[in-house]
Amino acid sequence: MDSFSSPSSGSPPKLSTDDIMTQLRTQLEQAYAEEFLETVRGKCFDKCITKPGSSLSGSESSCISRCIDRYMEATGIIGKALFNQRH
């Protein structure tokens, strides 16, 4: 018998639909956070950091802050538009 047809004594517990949805939500949130950080790191760093060094200048710091704010605002607008489109 193969492992698919034989019962196993250590079978994983059955997950409810709510448990599966919670796990999926958690994974999506983590993926979104990683994508957000990668995008901000790439776009804002490339745009704002003209001379990489050991610290940020005041103008670089302000640029990074504005860039992140704009990206978060744009992401919120897109999220709302997608959410409203579904409902």
Protein backbone atom coordinates (compact mmCIF):
# COMPACT_ATOMS: atom_id res chain seq x y z
CA MET A 1 0.00 0.00 0.00
CA ASP A 2 1.17 3.52 -0.65
CA SER A 3 1.05 6.38 1.84
CA PHE A 4 -2.08 7.81 0.22
CA SER A 5 -4.22 4.73 0.71
CA SER A 6 -3.00 3.55 4.09
CA PRO A 7 -4.25 5.21 7.26
CA SER A 8 -1.53 6.86 9.31
CA SER A 9 -1.52 7.09 13.04
CA GLY A 10 -0.02 10.58 12.98
CA SER A 11 -2.48 12.19 10.60
CA PRO A 12 -2.76 15.97 10.87
CA PRO A 13 -5.84 17.33 12.62
CA LYS A 14 -8.73 18.45 10.47
CA LEU A 15 -8.77 22.22 10.05
CA SER A 16 -11.99 24.15 10.00
CA THR A 17 -12.75 26.59 7.21
CA ASP A 18 -12.18 29.44 9.67
CA ASP A 19 -8.75 28.07 10.58
CA ILE A 20 -7.79 27.77 6.93
CA MET A 21 -9.02 31.29 6.19
CA THR A 22 -7.08 32.65 9.18
CA GLN A 23 -3.90 30.95 7.99
CA LEU A 24 -4.44 32.22 4.46
CA ARG A 25 -5.06 35.77 5.71
CA THR A 26 -1.88 35.62 7.78
CA GLN A 27 0.15 34.41 4.80
CA LEU A 28 -1.32 37.10 2.54
CA GLU A 29 -0.58 39.80 5.11
CA GLN A 30 3.00 38.62 5.38
CA ALA A 31 3.40 38.52 1.59
CA TYR A 32 1.91 42.03 1.31
CA ALA A 33 4.28 43.37 3.97
CA GLU A 34 7.28 41.82 2.23
CA GLU A 35 6.21 43.22 -1.14
CA PHE A 36 5.60 46.64 0.39
CA LEU A 37 9.04 46.74 2.00
CA GLU A 38 10.75 45.55 -1.18
CA THR A 39 8.97 48.16 -3.29
CA VAL A 40 9.67 50.96 -0.85
CA ARG A 41 13.27 49.87 -0.51
CA GLY A 42 13.76 49.79 -4.27
CA LYS A 43 11.78 52.79 -5.41
CA CYS A 44 12.32 55.18 -2.53
CA PHE A 45 15.98 54.32 -2.04
CA ASP A 46 16.73 54.73 -5.74
CA LYS A 47 14.86 58.02 -5.86
CA CYS A 48 16.04 59.57 -2.60
CA ILE A 49 19.52 58.33 -1.80
CA THR A 50 21.92 60.04 -4.15
CA LYS A 51 25.14 59.46 -2.17
CA PRO A 52 24.95 56.32 -0.01
CA GLY A 53 26.83 56.74 3.24
CA SER A 54 26.68 55.89 6.92
CA SER A 55 23.75 58.21 7.60
CA LEU A 56 20.93 60.02 5.81
CA SER A 57 21.05 63.73 5.12
CA GLY A 58 18.05 65.82 6.10
CA SER A 59 16.85 66.05 2.50
CA GLU A 60 17.27 62.28 1.98
CA SER A 61 15.33 61.58 5.18
CA SER A 62 12.52 63.92 4.12
CA CYS A 63 12.45 62.39 0.64
CA ILE A 64 12.23 58.85 2.06
CA SER A 65 9.43 59.89 4.40
CA ARG A 66 7.43 61.56 1.62
CA CYS A 67 8.03 58.63 -0.74
CA ILE A 68 6.78 56.10 1.82
CA ASP A 69 3.77 58.30 2.63
CA ARG A 70 2.86 58.56 -1.06
CA TYR A 71 3.30 54.84 -1.61
CA MET A 72 1.11 54.03 1.41
CA GLU A 73 -1.54 56.47 0.22
CA ALA A 74 -1.51 55.03 -3.29
CA THR A 75 -1.70 51.49 -1.93
CA GLY A 76 -4.69 52.49 0.22
CA ILE A 77 -6.49 54.04 -2.74
CA ILE A 78 -5.90 50.94 -4.86
CA GLY A 79 -7.02 48.67 -2.03
CA LYS A 80 -10.24 50.64 -1.54
CA ALA A 81 -10.94 50.62 -5.27
CA LEU A 82 -10.45 46.86 -5.44
CA PHE A 83 -12.53 46.27 -2.33
CA ASN A 84 -15.38 48.48 -3.61
CA GLN A 85 -15.23 46.78 -7.02
CA ARG A 86 -15.89 43.39 -5.41
CA HIS A 87 -18.87 44.56 -3.37
